[in-house]
Each structure stands twice: as structure tokens, then as C-alpha cells.
Amino acid sequence: MLIFPTLYAMTGGLLLQWILGYNFSVAVWVGYIALFGIAVETGVVMVVYLHEALERHIASSAPLTNQAIEDAAIEGAVRRLRPKLMTVTAVLASLVPILWETGVGSDVMKPIAAPIVGGMITSTIHVLILVPVFFVMIKERALRTQLREENNEPARV
């Protein structure tokens, strides 16, 4: 599940790299390495927030249902919204001006900044929307499997 943030981030990075007309170079790869680090970190933190919200619900001794899983995912995603948007805003505010520079060193800095800027946009969409959806799907499937095992029903394929 944690490879998906890098794929979505790479999609945005490749798109902006293509729009700006940059070829692959060492500078571009440095940008991708930085982007992947940020994307994986924010994806992991989102999953941690989702698990903590679900664990709080389980600790309240309420029965675990599909609705409880969805509520916990919404709670965890909402708690992570502001920190994620602050991270994205800080990265974009620091790197977007580099894309407009024409001075000394801009020929090296622009290819580094391009994949990060493009990837942060698509990574944000992925982490804030798709990770909670995947989390709910996985946890609901695990709940169905657990209930099936408790009722001694045969597994469906």
C-alpha cells in the first residue's frame, strides 16, 4: 500500500517535467528522490493517524462495524488534513519561485524543483483521498473475513 504514494507522486512529477520540457538528468533524479521521501513519509503518517483513530474506537468497547471503520477513517483523515496541507504549502511556496528564476544556478535548480512541485500536487490528492478509501476497503474486508471465521463459514474466493 505504501508504494502507491510514490506512484501518484511520480505521475505528477513526470507530467510537470514533460510540460516544462526537461530531460532526465542527475538533477531531475535528485528531485524524484526528494519527492519520494516526502510522499512515503506523508502516506505513512496518514496510515498511522487512521490506525490510531480505529484503535480509539476499538478501545471504547463499541462493536466494530463497517460504519465504525468508516467513521474512524474520516476522523483520522480530518486530523491529518491540516498537517498535510501545511507540508504541501511549505514545499510549494519554497520551490515554485525556483521555477520562475532565470539567474545563476537556475539551470540546475529548475530540474530539481519540477518533479517535486508536480508530484506534491498529485501526492496530496492521493494521501488525502485515496489512502483513507483504501484503508476502509482493507479493514472492511478484514472484518468480513473475521466474522466469517467466527461463524465457521467457508471462505469465498
N, C-alpha and C. Protein backbone atom coordinates (compact mmCIF):
# COMPACT_ATOMS: atom_id res chain seq x y z
N MET A 1 0.83 -1.19 0.00
CA MET A 1 0.00 0.00 0.00
C MET A 1 0.87 1.25 0.00
N LEU A 2 2.07 1.15 0.53
CA LEU A 2 2.92 2.34 0.61
C LEU A 2 3.66 2.65 -0.68
N ILE A 3 3.56 1.78 -1.67
CA ILE A 3 4.17 2.10 -2.95
C ILE A 3 3.28 3.05 -3.74
N PHE A 4 1.99 3.05 -3.45
CA PHE A 4 1.08 3.91 -4.19
C PHE A 4 1.38 5.40 -4.07
N PRO A 5 1.76 5.91 -2.88
CA PRO A 5 2.07 7.34 -2.84
C PRO A 5 3.20 7.72 -3.78
N THR A 6 4.20 6.84 -3.93
CA THR A 6 5.30 7.17 -4.84
C THR A 6 4.85 7.13 -6.29
N LEU A 7 3.93 6.22 -6.62
CA LEU A 7 3.44 6.16 -7.99
C LEU A 7 2.63 7.40 -8.34
N TYR A 8 1.77 7.83 -7.44
CA TYR A 8 1.00 9.04 -7.69
C TYR A 8 1.90 10.27 -7.72
N ALA A 9 2.88 10.29 -6.85
CA ALA A 9 3.82 11.41 -6.85
C ALA A 9 4.62 11.43 -8.14
N MET A 10 5.04 10.26 -8.59
CA MET A 10 5.82 10.20 -9.83
C MET A 10 4.98 10.64 -11.03
N THR A 11 3.69 10.33 -11.01
CA THR A 11 2.81 10.75 -12.09
C THR A 11 2.81 12.27 -12.23
N GLY A 12 2.63 12.96 -11.13
CA GLY A 12 2.65 14.42 -11.17
C GLY A 12 4.00 14.97 -11.55
N GLY A 13 5.06 14.34 -11.03
CA GLY A 13 6.41 14.78 -11.37
C GLY A 13 6.70 14.61 -12.84
N LEU A 14 6.33 13.46 -13.40
CA LEU A 14 6.54 13.22 -14.83
C LEU A 14 5.74 14.18 -15.69
N LEU A 15 4.52 14.46 -15.27
CA LEU A 15 3.67 15.37 -16.02
C LEU A 15 4.27 16.78 -16.08
N LEU A 16 4.69 17.31 -14.92
CA LEU A 16 5.27 18.65 -14.92
C LEU A 16 6.62 18.66 -15.62
N GLN A 17 7.39 17.60 -15.48
CA GLN A 17 8.68 17.51 -16.18
C GLN A 17 8.45 17.55 -17.69
N TRP A 18 7.45 16.84 -18.17
CA TRP A 18 7.13 16.81 -19.59
C TRP A 18 6.62 18.18 -20.06
N ILE A 19 5.74 18.81 -19.26
CA ILE A 19 5.21 20.13 -19.63
C ILE A 19 6.33 21.15 -19.75
N LEU A 20 7.28 21.10 -18.81
CA LEU A 20 8.39 22.07 -18.82
C LEU A 20 9.50 21.68 -19.79
N GLY A 21 9.46 20.47 -20.32
CA GLY A 21 10.42 20.05 -21.33
C GLY A 21 11.78 19.67 -20.80
N TYR A 22 11.85 19.15 -19.57
CA TYR A 22 13.13 18.72 -19.01
C TYR A 22 13.39 17.26 -19.32
N ASN A 23 14.60 16.97 -19.77
CA ASN A 23 15.01 15.59 -19.98
C ASN A 23 15.45 15.01 -18.65
N PHE A 24 15.52 13.68 -18.57
CA PHE A 24 16.03 13.05 -17.36
C PHE A 24 17.51 13.36 -17.22
N SER A 25 17.89 13.79 -16.03
CA SER A 25 19.28 14.10 -15.72
C SER A 25 19.49 13.78 -14.25
N VAL A 26 20.72 13.96 -13.80
CA VAL A 26 21.01 13.73 -12.38
C VAL A 26 20.18 14.68 -11.52
N ALA A 27 20.04 15.92 -11.95
CA ALA A 27 19.26 16.89 -11.17
C ALA A 27 17.80 16.46 -11.06
N VAL A 28 17.24 15.97 -12.15
CA VAL A 28 15.85 15.52 -12.12
C VAL A 28 15.70 14.33 -11.18
N TRP A 29 16.65 13.39 -11.22
CA TRP A 29 16.58 12.23 -10.33
C TRP A 29 16.71 12.63 -8.87
N VAL A 30 17.51 13.64 -8.59
CA VAL A 30 17.61 14.15 -7.22
C VAL A 30 16.25 14.68 -6.77
N GLY A 31 15.56 15.37 -7.66
CA GLY A 31 14.21 15.85 -7.35
C GLY A 31 13.25 14.71 -7.06
N TYR A 32 13.34 13.64 -7.85
CA TYR A 32 12.46 12.49 -7.61
C TYR A 32 12.77 11.81 -6.28
N ILE A 33 14.02 11.70 -5.95
CA ILE A 33 14.39 11.09 -4.67
C ILE A 33 13.81 11.89 -3.51
N ALA A 34 13.93 13.20 -3.57
CA ALA A 34 13.35 14.05 -2.52
C ALA A 34 11.83 13.91 -2.49
N LEU A 35 11.21 13.88 -3.66
CA LEU A 35 9.76 13.74 -3.75
C LEU A 35 9.29 12.42 -3.16
N PHE A 36 9.98 11.32 -3.47
CA PHE A 36 9.58 10.03 -2.95
C PHE A 36 9.68 9.99 -1.43
N GLY A 37 10.69 10.63 -0.88
CA GLY A 37 10.82 10.69 0.57
C GLY A 37 9.64 11.39 1.21
N ILE A 38 9.25 12.51 0.65
CA ILE A 38 8.12 13.26 1.20
C ILE A 38 6.82 12.48 1.02
N ALA A 39 6.63 11.87 -0.16
CA ALA A 39 5.39 11.15 -0.45
C ALA A 39 5.22 9.95 0.48
N VAL A 40 6.27 9.17 0.66
CA VAL A 40 6.17 8.00 1.53
C VAL A 40 5.95 8.42 2.97
N GLU A 41 6.65 9.44 3.40
CA GLU A 41 6.50 9.91 4.79
C GLU A 41 5.08 10.37 5.06
N THR A 42 4.50 11.16 4.16
CA THR A 42 3.14 11.63 4.41
C THR A 42 2.13 10.49 4.30
N GLY A 43 2.38 9.51 3.42
CA GLY A 43 1.50 8.36 3.34
C GLY A 43 1.54 7.51 4.61
N VAL A 44 2.74 7.31 5.14
CA VAL A 44 2.88 6.53 6.37
C VAL A 44 2.21 7.25 7.54
N VAL A 45 2.40 8.54 7.62
CA VAL A 45 1.78 9.29 8.72
C VAL A 45 0.26 9.25 8.62
N MET A 46 -0.29 9.30 7.39
CA MET A 46 -1.74 9.19 7.24
C MET A 46 -2.23 7.84 7.73
N VAL A 47 -1.53 6.76 7.37
CA VAL A 47 -1.93 5.43 7.82
C VAL A 47 -1.85 5.33 9.34
N VAL A 48 -0.84 5.93 9.94
CA VAL A 48 -0.72 5.93 11.40
C VAL A 48 -1.91 6.64 12.03
N TYR A 49 -2.29 7.79 11.49
CA TYR A 49 -3.45 8.52 12.01
C TYR A 49 -4.73 7.69 11.87
N LEU A 50 -4.88 7.01 10.74
CA LEU A 50 -6.07 6.18 10.53
C LEU A 50 -6.11 5.02 11.52
N HIS A 51 -4.97 4.37 11.74
CA HIS A 51 -4.91 3.27 12.70
C HIS A 51 -5.19 3.76 14.12
N GLU A 52 -4.65 4.92 14.49
CA GLU A 52 -4.90 5.45 15.83
C GLU A 52 -6.38 5.74 16.04
N ALA A 53 -7.05 6.29 15.03
CA ALA A 53 -8.48 6.57 15.15
C ALA A 53 -9.26 5.27 15.30
N LEU A 54 -8.89 4.25 14.55
CA LEU A 54 -9.57 2.97 14.66
C LEU A 54 -9.30 2.31 16.01
N GLU A 55 -8.08 2.42 16.50
CA GLU A 55 -7.76 1.86 17.82
C GLU A 55 -8.52 2.58 18.93
N ARG A 56 -8.72 3.88 18.80
CA ARG A 56 -9.53 4.61 19.79
C ARG A 56 -10.96 4.08 19.81
N HIS A 57 -11.49 3.78 18.63
CA HIS A 57 -12.85 3.24 18.58
C HIS A 57 -12.90 1.84 19.22
N ILE A 58 -11.91 1.02 18.91
CA ILE A 58 -11.87 -0.33 19.47
C ILE A 58 -11.72 -0.27 20.99
N ALA A 59 -10.91 0.67 21.49
CA ALA A 59 -10.70 0.81 22.93
C ALA A 59 -11.97 1.28 23.65
N SER A 60 -12.90 1.89 22.93
CA SER A 60 -14.14 2.35 23.57
C SER A 60 -15.12 1.22 23.82
N SER A 61 -14.74 0.00 23.48
CA SER A 61 -15.54 -1.22 23.70
C SER A 61 -16.81 -1.25 22.87
N ALA A 62 -16.91 -0.41 21.87
CA ALA A 62 -18.05 -0.46 20.96
C ALA A 62 -17.78 -1.54 19.92
N PRO A 63 -18.84 -2.16 19.41
CA PRO A 63 -18.61 -3.22 18.42
C PRO A 63 -18.03 -2.63 17.12
N LEU A 64 -17.17 -3.39 16.51
CA LEU A 64 -16.54 -2.95 15.27
C LEU A 64 -17.44 -3.30 14.10
N THR A 65 -17.91 -2.26 13.41
CA THR A 65 -18.78 -2.44 12.24
C THR A 65 -18.17 -1.68 11.07
N ASN A 66 -18.77 -1.88 9.90
CA ASN A 66 -18.30 -1.15 8.73
C ASN A 66 -18.44 0.36 8.94
N GLN A 67 -19.54 0.77 9.56
CA GLN A 67 -19.75 2.19 9.82
C GLN A 67 -18.70 2.73 10.79
N ALA A 68 -18.32 1.95 11.78
CA ALA A 68 -17.29 2.37 12.73
C ALA A 68 -15.94 2.53 12.03
N ILE A 69 -15.65 1.63 11.10
CA ILE A 69 -14.40 1.74 10.34
C ILE A 69 -14.40 3.01 9.50
N GLU A 70 -15.53 3.28 8.85
CA GLU A 70 -15.63 4.48 8.02
C GLU A 70 -15.53 5.74 8.87
N ASP A 71 -16.17 5.75 10.02
CA ASP A 71 -16.09 6.91 10.92
C ASP A 71 -14.67 7.13 11.41
N ALA A 72 -13.98 6.05 11.74
CA ALA A 72 -12.60 6.17 12.19
C ALA A 72 -11.71 6.69 11.08
N ALA A 73 -11.95 6.25 9.85
CA ALA A 73 -11.16 6.74 8.71
C ALA A 73 -11.39 8.22 8.48
N ILE A 74 -12.63 8.65 8.60
CA ILE A 74 -12.93 10.07 8.43
C ILE A 74 -12.26 10.88 9.53
N GLU A 75 -12.35 10.39 10.76
CA GLU A 75 -11.71 11.09 11.88
C GLU A 75 -10.20 11.20 11.68
N GLY A 76 -9.57 10.11 11.32
CA GLY A 76 -8.12 10.12 11.11
C GLY A 76 -7.71 11.02 9.96
N ALA A 77 -8.47 10.97 8.86
CA ALA A 77 -8.15 11.80 7.70
C ALA A 77 -8.33 13.28 8.01
N VAL A 78 -9.36 13.61 8.75
CA VAL A 78 -9.59 15.02 9.11
C VAL A 78 -8.48 15.52 10.03
N ARG A 79 -8.04 14.68 10.95
CA ARG A 79 -6.94 15.08 11.85
C ARG A 79 -5.64 15.28 11.08
N ARG A 80 -5.47 14.61 9.97
CA ARG A 80 -4.23 14.71 9.18
C ARG A 80 -4.32 15.78 8.09
N LEU A 81 -5.49 16.33 7.84
CA LEU A 81 -5.69 17.29 6.75
C LEU A 81 -4.81 18.52 6.90
N ARG A 82 -4.87 19.18 8.03
CA ARG A 82 -4.10 20.42 8.21
C ARG A 82 -2.58 20.19 8.14
N PRO A 83 -2.03 19.18 8.84
CA PRO A 83 -0.58 18.96 8.71
C PRO A 83 -0.14 18.66 7.27
N LYS A 84 -0.94 17.88 6.54
CA LYS A 84 -0.58 17.56 5.16
C LYS A 84 -0.61 18.82 4.29
N LEU A 85 -1.66 19.61 4.43
CA LEU A 85 -1.74 20.83 3.64
C LEU A 85 -0.65 21.83 4.02
N MET A 86 -0.25 21.86 5.28
CA MET A 86 0.86 22.73 5.69
C MET A 86 2.17 22.26 5.05
N THR A 87 2.39 20.96 5.00
CA THR A 87 3.59 20.42 4.37
C THR A 87 3.62 20.77 2.89
N VAL A 88 2.51 20.56 2.21
CA VAL A 88 2.43 20.84 0.78
C VAL A 88 2.62 22.33 0.52
N THR A 89 1.99 23.16 1.32
CA THR A 89 2.11 24.61 1.14
C THR A 89 3.56 25.06 1.34
N ALA A 90 4.22 24.54 2.35
CA ALA A 90 5.62 24.92 2.58
C ALA A 90 6.52 24.49 1.43
N VAL A 91 6.31 23.27 0.94
CA VAL A 91 7.13 22.78 -0.18
C VAL A 91 6.87 23.60 -1.43
N LEU A 92 5.60 23.82 -1.74
CA LEU A 92 5.28 24.58 -2.95
C LEU A 92 5.72 26.03 -2.84
N ALA A 93 5.53 26.64 -1.69
CA ALA A 93 5.94 28.04 -1.51
C ALA A 93 7.45 28.20 -1.63
N SER A 94 8.19 27.17 -1.29
CA SER A 94 9.64 27.29 -1.38
C SER A 94 10.18 26.92 -2.76
N LEU A 95 9.47 26.08 -3.51
CA LEU A 95 10.01 25.61 -4.78
C LEU A 95 9.39 26.24 -6.02
N VAL A 96 8.16 26.68 -5.96
CA VAL A 96 7.54 27.30 -7.14
C VAL A 96 8.32 28.53 -7.61
N PRO A 97 8.80 29.40 -6.71
CA PRO A 97 9.60 30.55 -7.20
C PRO A 97 10.87 30.13 -7.96
N ILE A 98 11.41 28.97 -7.65
CA ILE A 98 12.60 28.49 -8.36
C ILE A 98 12.27 28.23 -9.82
N LEU A 99 11.05 27.80 -10.10
CA LEU A 99 10.67 27.51 -11.48
C LEU A 99 10.61 28.78 -12.34
N TRP A 100 10.47 29.95 -11.71
CA TRP A 100 10.42 31.21 -12.47
C TRP A 100 11.77 31.91 -12.55
N GLU A 101 12.76 31.39 -11.83
CA GLU A 101 14.07 32.04 -11.80
C GLU A 101 14.78 31.94 -13.15
N THR A 102 15.61 32.95 -13.42
CA THR A 102 16.41 32.94 -14.65
C THR A 102 17.88 33.23 -14.34
N GLY A 103 18.21 33.40 -13.08
CA GLY A 103 19.56 33.79 -12.69
C GLY A 103 20.54 32.63 -12.68
N VAL A 104 21.69 32.91 -12.09
CA VAL A 104 22.77 31.93 -12.00
C VAL A 104 22.30 30.73 -11.18
N GLY A 105 22.54 29.54 -11.70
CA GLY A 105 22.19 28.31 -11.00
C GLY A 105 20.78 27.82 -11.27
N SER A 106 19.98 28.62 -11.94
CA SER A 106 18.60 28.19 -12.19
C SER A 106 18.54 27.00 -13.14
N ASP A 107 19.56 26.86 -14.00
CA ASP A 107 19.58 25.72 -14.92
C ASP A 107 19.73 24.40 -14.18
N VAL A 108 20.27 24.41 -12.98
CA VAL A 108 20.39 23.21 -12.17
C VAL A 108 19.20 23.06 -11.22
N MET A 109 18.74 24.15 -10.66
CA MET A 109 17.67 24.10 -9.65
C MET A 109 16.30 23.82 -10.25
N LYS A 110 16.02 24.32 -11.43
CA LYS A 110 14.70 24.07 -12.04
C LYS A 110 14.42 22.59 -12.25
N PRO A 111 15.36 21.81 -12.81
CA PRO A 111 15.07 20.38 -12.97
C PRO A 111 14.92 19.64 -11.64
N ILE A 112 15.51 20.14 -10.58
CA ILE A 112 15.33 19.51 -9.27
C ILE A 112 13.94 19.83 -8.73
N ALA A 113 13.50 21.07 -8.90
CA ALA A 113 12.23 21.52 -8.34
C ALA A 113 11.03 20.99 -9.12
N ALA A 114 11.15 20.81 -10.42
CA ALA A 114 9.99 20.43 -11.24
C ALA A 114 9.31 19.14 -10.78
N PRO A 115 10.03 18.03 -10.61
CA PRO A 115 9.32 16.82 -10.19
C PRO A 115 8.72 16.93 -8.79
N ILE A 116 9.36 17.69 -7.93
CA ILE A 116 8.84 17.84 -6.56
C ILE A 116 7.53 18.62 -6.59
N VAL A 117 7.48 19.71 -7.34
CA VAL A 117 6.26 20.53 -7.40
C VAL A 117 5.12 19.74 -8.02
N GLY A 118 5.36 19.09 -9.16
CA GLY A 118 4.30 18.31 -9.80
C GLY A 118 3.86 17.14 -8.94
N GLY A 119 4.81 16.47 -8.33
CA GLY A 119 4.49 15.30 -7.52
C GLY A 119 3.77 15.64 -6.23
N MET A 120 4.06 16.79 -5.66
CA MET A 120 3.38 17.17 -4.41
C MET A 120 1.88 17.36 -4.64
N ILE A 121 1.52 17.84 -5.80
CA ILE A 121 0.10 18.06 -6.09
C ILE A 121 -0.63 16.72 -6.19
N THR A 122 -0.10 15.80 -6.97
CA THR A 122 -0.78 14.51 -7.11
C THR A 122 -0.65 13.66 -5.85
N SER A 123 0.45 13.79 -5.14
CA SER A 123 0.62 13.06 -3.89
C SER A 123 -0.39 13.53 -2.84
N THR A 124 -0.67 14.80 -2.83
CA THR A 124 -1.65 15.35 -1.89
C THR A 124 -3.03 14.74 -2.14
N ILE A 125 -3.42 14.69 -3.40
CA ILE A 125 -4.71 14.10 -3.75
C ILE A 125 -4.75 12.64 -3.29
N HIS A 126 -3.68 11.93 -3.53
CA HIS A 126 -3.64 10.52 -3.16
C HIS A 126 -3.72 10.32 -1.65
N VAL A 127 -2.89 11.06 -0.92
CA VAL A 127 -2.82 10.85 0.54
C VAL A 127 -4.11 11.28 1.22
N LEU A 128 -4.72 12.35 0.78
CA LEU A 128 -5.91 12.85 1.46
C LEU A 128 -7.20 12.14 1.05
N ILE A 129 -7.24 11.58 -0.14
CA ILE A 129 -8.47 10.96 -0.62
C ILE A 129 -8.35 9.45 -0.73
N LEU A 130 -7.35 8.98 -1.46
CA LEU A 130 -7.29 7.55 -1.76
C LEU A 130 -6.78 6.68 -0.62
N VAL A 131 -5.83 7.16 0.16
CA VAL A 131 -5.33 6.34 1.28
C VAL A 131 -6.45 6.01 2.26
N PRO A 132 -7.29 6.98 2.69
CA PRO A 132 -8.40 6.60 3.58
C PRO A 132 -9.39 5.63 2.93
N VAL A 133 -9.62 5.78 1.63
CA VAL A 133 -10.54 4.86 0.94
C VAL A 133 -9.95 3.44 0.92
N PHE A 134 -8.67 3.32 0.58
CA PHE A 134 -8.02 2.01 0.59
C PHE A 134 -8.01 1.42 1.99
N PHE A 135 -7.78 2.25 3.00
CA PHE A 135 -7.76 1.82 4.39
C PHE A 135 -9.11 1.20 4.76
N VAL A 136 -10.19 1.90 4.42
CA VAL A 136 -11.53 1.40 4.74
C VAL A 136 -11.79 0.09 4.01
N MET A 137 -11.41 0.01 2.74
CA MET A 137 -11.64 -1.22 1.99
C MET A 137 -10.90 -2.40 2.61
N ILE A 138 -9.66 -2.18 2.99
CA ILE A 138 -8.86 -3.26 3.58
C ILE A 138 -9.42 -3.68 4.94
N LYS A 139 -9.76 -2.71 5.77
CA LYS A 139 -10.28 -3.04 7.11
C LYS A 139 -11.66 -3.68 7.04
N GLU A 140 -12.52 -3.24 6.12
CA GLU A 140 -13.83 -3.87 5.99
C GLU A 140 -13.70 -5.31 5.50
N ARG A 141 -12.77 -5.54 4.61
CA ARG A 141 -12.53 -6.92 4.14
C ARG A 141 -12.02 -7.79 5.28
N ALA A 142 -11.11 -7.25 6.08
CA ALA A 142 -10.60 -8.00 7.23
C ALA A 142 -11.72 -8.29 8.23
N LEU A 143 -12.63 -7.34 8.41
CA LEU A 143 -13.76 -7.55 9.32
C LEU A 143 -14.67 -8.65 8.78
N ARG A 144 -14.96 -8.62 7.49
CA ARG A 144 -15.80 -9.68 6.89
C ARG A 144 -15.15 -11.05 7.05
N THR A 145 -13.84 -11.12 6.84
CA THR A 145 -13.12 -12.39 7.00
C THR A 145 -13.18 -12.87 8.44
N GLN A 146 -13.00 -11.95 9.38
CA GLN A 146 -13.06 -12.31 10.80
C GLN A 146 -14.45 -12.81 11.17
N LEU A 147 -15.48 -12.14 10.73
CA LEU A 147 -16.85 -12.56 11.04
C LEU A 147 -17.16 -13.92 10.41
N ARG A 148 -16.66 -14.14 9.20
CA ARG A 148 -16.86 -15.42 8.52
C ARG A 148 -16.18 -16.55 9.30
N GLU A 149 -14.97 -16.29 9.79
CA GLU A 149 -14.25 -17.31 10.56
C GLU A 149 -14.95 -17.59 11.88
N GLU A 150 -15.49 -16.54 12.51
CA GLU A 150 -16.20 -16.75 13.78
C GLU A 150 -17.46 -17.56 13.59
N ASN A 151 -18.11 -17.44 12.43
CA ASN A 151 -19.34 -18.18 12.16
C ASN A 151 -19.07 -19.52 11.46
N ASN A 152 -17.78 -19.87 11.30
CA ASN A 152 -17.37 -21.13 10.67
C ASN A 152 -17.93 -21.27 9.26
N GLU A 153 -18.00 -20.18 8.53
CA GLU A 153 -18.44 -20.24 7.14
C GLU A 153 -17.25 -20.50 6.24
N PRO A 154 -17.47 -21.16 5.12
CA PRO A 154 -16.35 -21.39 4.19
C PRO A 154 -15.92 -20.08 3.54
N ALA A 155 -14.65 -19.99 3.25
CA ALA A 155 -14.10 -18.76 2.65
C ALA A 155 -14.55 -18.66 1.20
N ARG A 156 -14.87 -17.43 0.79
CA ARG A 156 -15.25 -17.17 -0.61
C ARG A 156 -14.02 -16.70 -1.36
N VAL A 157 -13.96 -17.05 -2.61
CA VAL A 157 -12.80 -16.65 -3.44
C VAL A 157 -13.22 -15.58 -4.39
